[in-house]
Structure formats: C-alpha cells, structure tokens
Amino acid sequence: MTDSASSPTPPISADGVAYEPHVGISRQYWRDIVLGVNDGLVSMFLLVAGVVGGGLTAEQVLLTAVAGAIAGSISMAAGEYLATKSQEEVLDSEIALEKTHIKHFRQQEVDQLRGFFTDMGVAEDEMDGVVAAFARSDETLLNAMKSLEFGVADSERRSPYMAMFMSGALFVLGSLPSVVPFVITDDTGVGLAWAAALSMLGLFVVGVVKTRVTRTPPLKAGLENLVIAGIGGVLAYGIGSLFDGMISG
C-alpha cells in the first residue's frame, strides 16, 4: 500500500514531474524481508558448499541442508521476534517516562522542544508561534517529542509477530535453491552447480527487487549481492575441502 493508493492516476506537477508515491506500510518490514531471504540464500549455499567440499554424499548434504534450513528459520524468527519486542518495549518505556516529564516538568520539555526546532532551522521570529502550536496540549507535545526526541512515528512501529514471520518464512524461501537440487540428483557436483546457479539468480533478483524501495541502480544492487555470496561460497568450499583433506590424511 502506498500513500496515493486512493488515486487512480498519479498527479503531475506543472513542470511535468510525475508524483512518485512512498512505499507505505510495508516500509518498516523491508529490513526483515531482505535479511530473511538473503540470509537463507547465502548461509544455506555456504553450508552446502562447505559440506560438499568436505566429501559428504548427496543424501548427507540433503539432510544437512534441511536441518540447516529448519534451524536457521527458527533462529531467525525467534531472534527477530525478541529483538523487535525488546525494542518496542524500550520505546514504550521511554514514552511512558516522557508522559511523566510532561506532567511534572512541562516547561523543561517545552524548552527542549524549542531546542529541537532551533536545530531544524526554524526562524527565531517564527519560533514562539511554532512552539506554542505544538505545546498547546499534552497530546500534541507528546507526539512532537516522540518524533523529535525518540524518532518514533506510530505508523513506522513494527509488530514483533510480523517481523518474526517475515524473517522465518523468507529464510526458508531463501534456502530452497540450495536444498531442492539435492532432492533431484545424487551427484553432489551437479547438485552444487545447480545450488550455486539458483542461489546466484535468487541473490541477483533480491538485489534488484530491493531497489524498488532504495531507488538505487538495480544492476549494481544485484551484482553486489552476487559478489558477496560468490566470495563466501568459494571460501566455504575451500575450507570444507581442506578439512576433508586433513581428516582423510
């Protein structure tokens, strides 16, 4: 959903620039989306490359990959839930304390608000009117302080449950390119080649898709994802091969 969802055709300015809507309510979850699927793609490919390099059979690689996908998704979901919930609890505590400050130390809070507006560049001859408008009631003063002191906008706050789902589910989705090939083939070399190709394709697509919100060059973002995973894959395979040689020797 975007901030112009109710408008069938985006407006165009007098100088011919088309209005570009903001991302909207999904904005605060793009971190979880990108992190979840990217982590699934990268970590599972590195795991598969490492155990193939270590000499495991296709069946053993598949078992390892499935176990890794399950463990990784649970870990990601639980970690993101706890991290997001903790962050929200910190914000709730700070806002509760701010209400106490406004009730008992209102003038100090108004002075602090004036300082924020000064830092923002509000002209001195307009300052009294601006401060008076925001300090007119405790509610408007609290809302102003939430945004300016804590960087909190209610529309940008994140649900721990949604963050948990996004991270866990998308980790599983990202792990599929490294798991599925070993369901189909018993040849670890072929399976690794397919895992590499599918994971690289997935990483490139994720890099391109995220430019929908970052508004950066799609090709650059896609290649950036590819390079990071490619280097990691080579290292993981090399370490696995070295370990296998040490054990075999």
C-alpha atoms as a PDB file:
ATOM      1  CA  MET A   1       0.000   0.000   0.000  1.00  0.00           C
ATOM      2  CA  THR A   2       1.243   3.482  -0.824  1.00  0.00           C
ATOM      3  CA  ASP A   3       0.252   6.954   0.232  1.00  0.00           C
ATOM      4  CA  SER A   4      -1.571   7.524  -3.072  1.00  0.00           C
ATOM      5  CA  ALA A   5      -3.423   4.209  -3.205  1.00  0.00           C
ATOM      6  CA  SER A   6      -6.753   6.035  -3.406  1.00  0.00           C
ATOM      7  CA  SER A   7      -5.673   7.968  -6.502  1.00  0.00           C
ATOM      8  CA  PRO A   8      -6.145   6.024  -9.782  1.00  0.00           C
ATOM      9  CA  THR A   9      -3.621   8.138 -11.680  1.00  0.00           C
ATOM     10  CA  PRO A  10      -0.610   9.849 -10.070  1.00  0.00           C
ATOM     11  CA  PRO A  11      -0.743  13.658 -10.349  1.00  0.00           C
ATOM     12  CA  ILE A  12       1.763  15.510 -12.498  1.00  0.00           C
ATOM     13  CA  SER A  13       3.351  18.801 -11.473  1.00  0.00           C
ATOM     14  CA  ALA A  14       3.233  21.950 -13.580  1.00  0.00           C
ATOM     15  CA  ASP A  15       6.765  21.268 -14.828  1.00  0.00           C
ATOM     16  CA  GLY A  16       5.885  17.730 -15.912  1.00  0.00           C
ATOM     17  CA  VAL A  17       7.228  15.685 -12.985  1.00  0.00           C
ATOM     18  CA  ALA A  18       5.027  12.694 -12.110  1.00  0.00           C
ATOM     19  CA  TYR A  19       4.235  12.180  -8.419  1.00  0.00           C
ATOM     20  CA  GLU A  20       6.043   9.137  -7.014  1.00  0.00           C
ATOM     21  CA  PRO A  21       4.269   7.599  -4.015  1.00  0.00           C
ATOM     22  CA  HIS A  22       6.105   6.395  -0.920  1.00  0.00           C
ATOM     23  CA  VAL A  23       6.412   2.683  -0.207  1.00  0.00           C
ATOM     24  CA  GLY A  24       3.786   2.868   2.520  1.00  0.00           C
ATOM     25  CA  ILE A  25       3.002   0.446   5.335  1.00  0.00           C
ATOM     26  CA  SER A  26       5.477  -2.246   4.194  1.00  0.00           C
ATOM     27  CA  ARG A  27       8.434   0.141   4.621  1.00  0.00           C
ATOM     28  CA  GLN A  28       9.317  -0.859   8.185  1.00  0.00           C
ATOM     29  CA  TYR A  29       9.443  -4.556   7.261  1.00  0.00           C
ATOM     30  CA  TRP A  30      11.815  -4.371   4.308  1.00  0.00           C
ATOM     31  CA  ARG A  31      14.726  -4.989   6.665  1.00  0.00           C
ATOM     32  CA  ASP A  32      13.146  -8.312   7.661  1.00  0.00           C
ATOM     33  CA  ILE A  33      12.267  -9.164   4.064  1.00  0.00           C
ATOM     34  CA  VAL A  34      15.751  -8.575   2.685  1.00  0.00           C
ATOM     35  CA  LEU A  35      17.550 -10.000   5.713  1.00  0.00           C
ATOM     36  CA  GLY A  36      15.419 -13.146   5.818  1.00  0.00           C
ATOM     37  CA  VAL A  37      15.647 -14.143   2.175  1.00  0.00           C
ATOM     38  CA  ASN A  38      19.261 -13.014   1.782  1.00  0.00           C
ATOM     39  CA  ASP A  39      20.358 -14.919   4.864  1.00  0.00           C
ATOM     40  CA  GLY A  40      18.580 -18.029   3.606  1.00  0.00           C
ATOM     41  CA  LEU A  41      20.201 -17.767   0.187  1.00  0.00           C
ATOM     42  CA  VAL A  42      23.703 -17.016   1.425  1.00  0.00           C
ATOM     43  CA  SER A  43      24.016 -19.094   4.586  1.00  0.00           C
ATOM     44  CA  MET A  44      22.434 -22.207   3.088  1.00  0.00           C
ATOM     45  CA  PHE A  45      24.568 -22.038  -0.042  1.00  0.00           C
ATOM     46  CA  LEU A  46      27.684 -21.612   2.091  1.00  0.00           C
ATOM     47  CA  LEU A  47      26.624 -24.579   4.228  1.00  0.00           C
ATOM     48  CA  VAL A  48      26.006 -26.767   1.188  1.00  0.00           C
ATOM     49  CA  ALA A  49      29.264 -25.693  -0.471  1.00  0.00           C
ATOM     50  CA  GLY A  50      31.168 -26.445   2.720  1.00  0.00           C
ATOM     51  CA  VAL A  51      29.780 -29.961   3.251  1.00  0.00           C
ATOM     52  CA  VAL A  52      30.102 -30.863  -0.431  1.00  0.00           C
ATOM     53  CA  GLY A  53      33.713 -29.715  -0.245  1.00  0.00           C
ATOM     54  CA  GLY A  54      34.019 -31.865   2.872  1.00  0.00           C
ATOM     55  CA  GLY A  55      33.133 -35.000   0.897  1.00  0.00           C
ATOM     56  CA  LEU A  56      29.596 -35.730   2.123  1.00  0.00           C
ATOM     57  CA  THR A  57      27.241 -37.774  -0.048  1.00  0.00           C
ATOM     58  CA  ALA A  58      24.200 -36.203  -1.706  1.00  0.00           C
ATOM     59  CA  GLU A  59      21.920 -37.781   0.912  1.00  0.00           C
ATOM     60  CA  GLN A  60      24.055 -36.420   3.731  1.00  0.00           C
ATOM     61  CA  VAL A  61      24.162 -32.982   2.088  1.00  0.00           C
ATOM     62  CA  LEU A  62      20.365 -33.002   1.777  1.00  0.00           C
ATOM     63  CA  LEU A  63      19.923 -33.956   5.431  1.00  0.00           C
ATOM     64  CA  THR A  64      22.362 -31.253   6.483  1.00  0.00           C
ATOM     65  CA  ALA A  65      20.658 -28.658   4.288  1.00  0.00           C
ATOM     66  CA  VAL A  66      17.155 -29.470   5.543  1.00  0.00           C
ATOM     67  CA  ALA A  67      18.322 -29.397   9.162  1.00  0.00           C
ATOM     68  CA  GLY A  68      20.113 -26.108   8.499  1.00  0.00           C
ATOM     69  CA  ALA A  69      17.031 -24.578   6.863  1.00  0.00           C
ATOM     70  CA  ILE A  70      14.788 -25.551   9.782  1.00  0.00           C
ATOM     71  CA  ALA A  71      17.278 -24.437  12.423  1.00  0.00           C
ATOM     72  CA  GLY A  72      18.034 -21.218  10.569  1.00  0.00           C
ATOM     73  CA  SER A  73      14.394 -20.256  10.100  1.00  0.00           C
ATOM     74  CA  ILE A  74      13.558 -20.899  13.762  1.00  0.00           C
ATOM     75  CA  SER A  75      16.637 -18.980  14.884  1.00  0.00           C
ATOM     76  CA  MET A  76      15.869 -16.058  12.586  1.00  0.00           C
ATOM     77  CA  ALA A  77      12.203 -15.933  13.616  1.00  0.00           C
ATOM     78  CA  ALA A  78      12.914 -16.182  17.335  1.00  0.00           C
ATOM     79  CA  GLY A  79      15.768 -13.685  17.198  1.00  0.00           C
ATOM     80  CA  GLU A  80      13.782 -11.136  15.212  1.00  0.00           C
ATOM     81  CA  TYR A  81      10.753 -11.517  17.490  1.00  0.00           C
ATOM     82  CA  LEU A  82      12.796 -10.974  20.650  1.00  0.00           C
ATOM     83  CA  ALA A  83      14.813  -8.105  19.160  1.00  0.00           C
ATOM     84  CA  THR A  84      11.738  -6.295  17.829  1.00  0.00           C
ATOM     85  CA  LYS A  85       9.716  -6.895  21.013  1.00  0.00           C
ATOM     86  CA  SER A  86      12.580  -5.623  23.154  1.00  0.00           C
ATOM     87  CA  GLN A  87      12.933  -2.513  21.006  1.00  0.00           C
ATOM     88  CA  GLU A  88       9.204  -1.822  21.201  1.00  0.00           C
ATOM     89  CA  GLU A  89       9.263  -2.289  24.985  1.00  0.00           C
ATOM     90  CA  VAL A  90      12.137   0.196  25.265  1.00  0.00           C
ATOM     91  CA  LEU A  91      10.158   2.730  23.220  1.00  0.00           C
ATOM     92  CA  ASP A  92       7.013   2.168  25.306  1.00  0.00           C
ATOM     93  CA  SER A  93       9.037   2.713  28.484  1.00  0.00           C
ATOM     94  CA  GLU A  94      10.602   5.911  27.137  1.00  0.00           C
ATOM     95  CA  ILE A  95       7.222   7.256  26.021  1.00  0.00           C
ATOM     96  CA  ALA A  96       5.711   6.486  29.436  1.00  0.00           C
ATOM     97  CA  LEU A  97       8.577   8.382  31.063  1.00  0.00           C
ATOM     98  CA  GLU A  98       8.052  11.264  28.637  1.00  0.00           C
ATOM     99  CA  LYS A  99       4.415  11.492  29.758  1.00  0.00           C
ATOM    100  CA  THR A 100       5.649  11.825  33.339  1.00  0.00           C
ATOM    101  CA  HIS A 101       8.090  14.546  32.292  1.00  0.00           C
ATOM    102  CA  ILE A 102       5.336  16.471  30.522  1.00  0.00           C
ATOM    103  CA  LYS A 103       3.074  16.198  33.567  1.00  0.00           C
ATOM    104  CA  HIS A 104       5.633  17.267  36.162  1.00  0.00           C
ATOM    105  CA  PHE A 105       8.327  19.161  34.202  1.00  0.00           C
ATOM    106  CA  ARG A 106       6.335  20.664  31.359  1.00  0.00           C
ATOM    107  CA  GLN A 107       8.377  23.832  30.898  1.00  0.00           C
ATOM    108  CA  GLN A 108      11.634  21.858  30.589  1.00  0.00           C
ATOM    109  CA  GLU A 109      10.017  19.764  27.855  1.00  0.00           C
ATOM    110  CA  VAL A 110       8.795  22.875  26.040  1.00  0.00           C
ATOM    111  CA  ASP A 111      12.308  24.341  26.234  1.00  0.00           C
ATOM    112  CA  GLN A 112      13.696  21.097  24.855  1.00  0.00           C
ATOM    113  CA  LEU A 113      11.164  21.245  22.023  1.00  0.00           C
ATOM    114  CA  ARG A 114      12.343  24.771  21.243  1.00  0.00           C
ATOM    115  CA  GLY A 115      15.891  23.452  21.029  1.00  0.00           C
ATOM    116  CA  PHE A 116      14.843  20.762  18.533  1.00  0.00           C
ATOM    117  CA  PHE A 117      13.140  23.339  16.338  1.00  0.00           C
ATOM    118  CA  THR A 118      16.222  25.566  16.513  1.00  0.00           C
ATOM    119  CA  ASP A 119      18.349  22.649  15.296  1.00  0.00           C
ATOM    120  CA  MET A 120      15.858  22.111  12.465  1.00  0.00           C
ATOM    121  CA  GLY A 121      16.348  25.676  11.290  1.00  0.00           C
ATOM    122  CA  VAL A 122      13.060  27.270  12.332  1.00  0.00           C
ATOM    123  CA  ALA A 123      13.461  31.046  12.153  1.00  0.00           C
ATOM    124  CA  GLU A 124      13.699  32.814  15.512  1.00  0.00           C
ATOM    125  CA  ASP A 125      10.914  35.266  14.665  1.00  0.00           C
ATOM    126  CA  GLU A 126       8.574  32.320  13.999  1.00  0.00           C
ATOM    127  CA  MET A 127       9.739  30.176  16.909  1.00  0.00           C
ATOM    128  CA  ASP A 128       7.242  31.315  19.557  1.00  0.00           C
ATOM    129  CA  GLY A 129       4.268  30.574  17.308  1.00  0.00           C
ATOM    130  CA  VAL A 130       5.571  27.191  16.257  1.00  0.00           C
ATOM    131  CA  VAL A 131       6.385  26.121  19.819  1.00  0.00           C
ATOM    132  CA  ALA A 132       3.036  27.402  21.094  1.00  0.00           C
ATOM    133  CA  ALA A 133       1.176  25.376  18.452  1.00  0.00           C
ATOM    134  CA  PHE A 134       2.910  22.125  19.457  1.00  0.00           C
ATOM    135  CA  ALA A 135       2.733  22.863  23.190  1.00  0.00           C
ATOM    136  CA  ARG A 136      -0.971  23.718  23.101  1.00  0.00           C
ATOM    137  CA  SER A 137      -1.925  20.350  24.641  1.00  0.00           C
ATOM    138  CA  ASP A 138      -0.141  17.488  26.346  1.00  0.00           C
ATOM    139  CA  GLU A 139      -1.066  15.164  23.477  1.00  0.00           C
ATOM    140  CA  THR A 140       0.438  17.327  20.735  1.00  0.00           C
ATOM    141  CA  LEU A 141       3.513  17.996  22.863  1.00  0.00           C
ATOM    142  CA  LEU A 142       3.944  14.258  23.465  1.00  0.00           C
ATOM    143  CA  ASN A 143       3.553  13.472  19.756  1.00  0.00           C
ATOM    144  CA  ALA A 144       6.130  16.105  18.871  1.00  0.00           C
ATOM    145  CA  MET A 145       8.604  14.795  21.438  1.00  0.00           C
ATOM    146  CA  LYS A 146       8.042  11.184  20.312  1.00  0.00           C
ATOM    147  CA  SER A 147       9.086  12.143  16.805  1.00  0.00           C
ATOM    148  CA  LEU A 148      11.863  14.606  17.587  1.00  0.00           C
ATOM    149  CA  GLU A 149      13.430  13.081  20.709  1.00  0.00           C
ATOM    150  CA  PHE A 150      12.942   9.352  20.062  1.00  0.00           C
ATOM    151  CA  GLY A 151      12.446   9.225  16.291  1.00  0.00           C
ATOM    152  CA  VAL A 152       9.169   7.368  16.793  1.00  0.00           C
ATOM    153  CA  ALA A 153       6.244   7.573  14.393  1.00  0.00           C
ATOM    154  CA  ASP A 154       3.324   5.289  15.223  1.00  0.00           C
ATOM    155  CA  SER A 155       2.946   4.346  11.556  1.00  0.00           C
ATOM    156  CA  GLU A 156       6.589   3.164  11.467  1.00  0.00           C
ATOM    157  CA  ARG A 157       6.487   0.921  14.524  1.00  0.00           C
ATOM    158  CA  ARG A 158       6.981  -2.780  13.892  1.00  0.00           C
ATOM    159  CA  SER A 159       4.941  -5.754  15.046  1.00  0.00           C
ATOM    160  CA  PRO A 160       7.162  -8.449  16.628  1.00  0.00           C
ATOM    161  CA  TYR A 161       4.881 -11.117  15.151  1.00  0.00           C
ATOM    162  CA  MET A 162       5.084  -9.736  11.637  1.00  0.00           C
ATOM    163  CA  ALA A 163       8.862  -9.333  11.923  1.00  0.00           C
ATOM    164  CA  MET A 164       9.116 -12.924  13.181  1.00  0.00           C
ATOM    165  CA  PHE A 165       7.021 -14.273  10.310  1.00  0.00           C
ATOM    166  CA  MET A 166       8.856 -12.280   7.653  1.00  0.00           C
ATOM    167  CA  SER A 167      12.308 -13.356   8.842  1.00  0.00           C
ATOM    168  CA  GLY A 168      11.496 -17.036   9.425  1.00  0.00           C
ATOM    169  CA  ALA A 169       9.351 -17.659   6.362  1.00  0.00           C
ATOM    170  CA  LEU A 170      11.647 -15.824   3.981  1.00  0.00           C
ATOM    171  CA  PHE A 171      14.691 -17.649   5.347  1.00  0.00           C
ATOM    172  CA  VAL A 172      13.001 -20.915   4.326  1.00  0.00           C
ATOM    173  CA  LEU A 173      12.225 -19.455   0.907  1.00  0.00           C
ATOM    174  CA  GLY A 174      15.834 -18.361   0.508  1.00  0.00           C
ATOM    175  CA  SER A 175      17.114 -21.802   1.491  1.00  0.00           C
ATOM    176  CA  LEU A 176      15.169 -23.654  -1.231  1.00  0.00           C
ATOM    177  CA  PRO A 177      17.683 -23.077  -4.080  1.00  0.00           C
ATOM    178  CA  SER A 178      20.335 -24.898  -2.030  1.00  0.00           C
ATOM    179  CA  VAL A 179      18.049 -27.699  -0.836  1.00  0.00           C
ATOM    180  CA  VAL A 180      15.968 -28.646  -3.879  1.00  0.00           C
ATOM    181  CA  PRO A 181      18.874 -29.718  -6.176  1.00  0.00           C
ATOM    182  CA  PHE A 182      19.865 -32.452  -3.739  1.00  0.00           C
ATOM    183  CA  VAL A 183      16.310 -33.797  -3.759  1.00  0.00           C
ATOM    184  CA  ILE A 184      16.610 -34.274  -7.508  1.00  0.00           C
ATOM    185  CA  THR A 185      20.187 -35.527  -8.004  1.00  0.00           C
ATOM    186  CA  ASP A 186      22.556 -37.946  -6.290  1.00  0.00           C
ATOM    187  CA  ASP A 187      25.599 -36.278  -7.832  1.00  0.00           C
ATOM    188  CA  THR A 188      26.974 -33.742  -5.353  1.00  0.00           C
ATOM    189  CA  GLY A 189      28.866 -31.888  -8.084  1.00  0.00           C
ATOM    190  CA  VAL A 190      25.719 -31.436 -10.170  1.00  0.00           C
ATOM    191  CA  GLY A 191      23.718 -30.528  -7.059  1.00  0.00           C
ATOM    192  CA  LEU A 192      26.257 -27.925  -6.016  1.00  0.00           C
ATOM    193  CA  ALA A 193      26.331 -26.440  -9.518  1.00  0.00           C
ATOM    194  CA  TRP A 194      22.538 -26.090  -9.526  1.00  0.00           C
ATOM    195  CA  ALA A 195      22.550 -24.729  -5.971  1.00  0.00           C
ATOM    196  CA  ALA A 196      25.139 -22.145  -6.993  1.00  0.00           C
ATOM    197  CA  ALA A 197      23.241 -21.123 -10.133  1.00  0.00           C
ATOM    198  CA  LEU A 198      19.855 -20.878  -8.397  1.00  0.00           C
ATOM    199  CA  SER A 199      21.263 -19.105  -5.350  1.00  0.00           C
ATOM    200  CA  MET A 200      23.125 -16.591  -7.507  1.00  0.00           C
ATOM    201  CA  LEU A 201      19.970 -15.964  -9.522  1.00  0.00           C
ATOM    202  CA  GLY A 202      17.979 -15.523  -6.302  1.00  0.00           C
ATOM    203  CA  LEU A 203      20.532 -13.120  -4.871  1.00  0.00           C
ATOM    204  CA  PHE A 204      20.571 -11.068  -8.038  1.00  0.00           C
ATOM    205  CA  VAL A 205      16.769 -10.902  -8.075  1.00  0.00           C
ATOM    206  CA  VAL A 206      16.663  -9.858  -4.395  1.00  0.00           C
ATOM    207  CA  GLY A 207      19.229  -7.166  -5.086  1.00  0.00           C
ATOM    208  CA  VAL A 208      17.159  -5.859  -7.984  1.00  0.00           C
ATOM    209  CA  VAL A 209      13.823  -6.074  -6.153  1.00  0.00           C
ATOM    210  CA  LYS A 210      15.057  -4.123  -3.123  1.00  0.00           C
ATOM    211  CA  THR A 211      15.787  -1.170  -5.414  1.00  0.00           C
ATOM    212  CA  ARG A 212      12.022  -0.699  -5.523  1.00  0.00           C
ATOM    213  CA  VAL A 213      12.392   0.962  -2.126  1.00  0.00           C
ATOM    214  CA  THR A 214      16.036   2.053  -2.136  1.00  0.00           C
ATOM    215  CA  ARG A 215      15.732   3.680  -5.578  1.00  0.00           C
ATOM    216  CA  THR A 216      19.323   2.721  -6.377  1.00  0.00           C
ATOM    217  CA  PRO A 217      20.631   1.240  -9.666  1.00  0.00           C
ATOM    218  CA  PRO A 218      19.185  -2.324  -9.988  1.00  0.00           C
ATOM    219  CA  LEU A 219      22.203  -3.814 -11.769  1.00  0.00           C
ATOM    220  CA  LYS A 220      24.620  -2.527  -9.132  1.00  0.00           C
ATOM    221  CA  ALA A 221      22.491  -3.849  -6.262  1.00  0.00           C
ATOM    222  CA  GLY A 222      22.104  -7.260  -7.916  1.00  0.00           C
ATOM    223  CA  LEU A 223      25.824  -7.624  -8.606  1.00  0.00           C
ATOM    224  CA  GLU A 224      26.680  -6.535  -5.068  1.00  0.00           C
ATOM    225  CA  ASN A 225      24.644  -9.427  -3.696  1.00  0.00           C
ATOM    226  CA  LEU A 226      26.274 -11.830  -6.158  1.00  0.00           C
ATOM    227  CA  VAL A 227      29.832 -10.831  -5.303  1.00  0.00           C
ATOM    228  CA  ILE A 228      29.322 -11.194  -1.544  1.00  0.00           C
ATOM    229  CA  ALA A 229      27.806 -14.662  -1.850  1.00  0.00           C
ATOM    230  CA  GLY A 230      30.278 -15.772  -4.517  1.00  0.00           C
ATOM    231  CA  ILE A 231      33.299 -14.972  -2.373  1.00  0.00           C
ATOM    232  CA  GLY A 232      31.712 -16.689   0.603  1.00  0.00           C
ATOM    233  CA  GLY A 233      30.880 -19.787  -1.443  1.00  0.00           C
ATOM    234  CA  VAL A 234      34.459 -20.173  -2.666  1.00  0.00           C
ATOM    235  CA  LEU A 235      35.784 -19.788   0.875  1.00  0.00           C
ATOM    236  CA  ALA A 236      33.278 -22.284   2.310  1.00  0.00           C
ATOM    237  CA  TYR A 237      34.057 -24.891  -0.346  1.00  0.00           C
ATOM    238  CA  GLY A 238      37.803 -24.376   0.143  1.00  0.00           C
ATOM    239  CA  ILE A 239      37.564 -24.731   3.919  1.00  0.00           C
ATOM    240  CA  GLY A 240      35.458 -27.873   3.544  1.00  0.00           C
ATOM    241  CA  SER A 241      37.949 -29.381   1.110  1.00  0.00           C
ATOM    242  CA  LEU A 242      40.844 -28.537   3.410  1.00  0.00           C
ATOM    243  CA  PHE A 243      39.090 -30.099   6.379  1.00  0.00           C
ATOM    244  CA  ASP A 244      38.271 -33.215   4.382  1.00  0.00           C
ATOM    245  CA  GLY A 245      41.925 -33.486   3.313  1.00  0.00           C
ATOM    246  CA  MET A 246      43.105 -33.154   6.901  1.00  0.00           C
ATOM    247  CA  ILE A 247      40.765 -35.909   8.081  1.00  0.00           C
ATOM    248  CA  SER A 248      41.495 -38.206   5.139  1.00  0.00           C
ATOM    249  CA  GLY A 249      45.243 -37.660   5.506  1.00  0.00           C
END
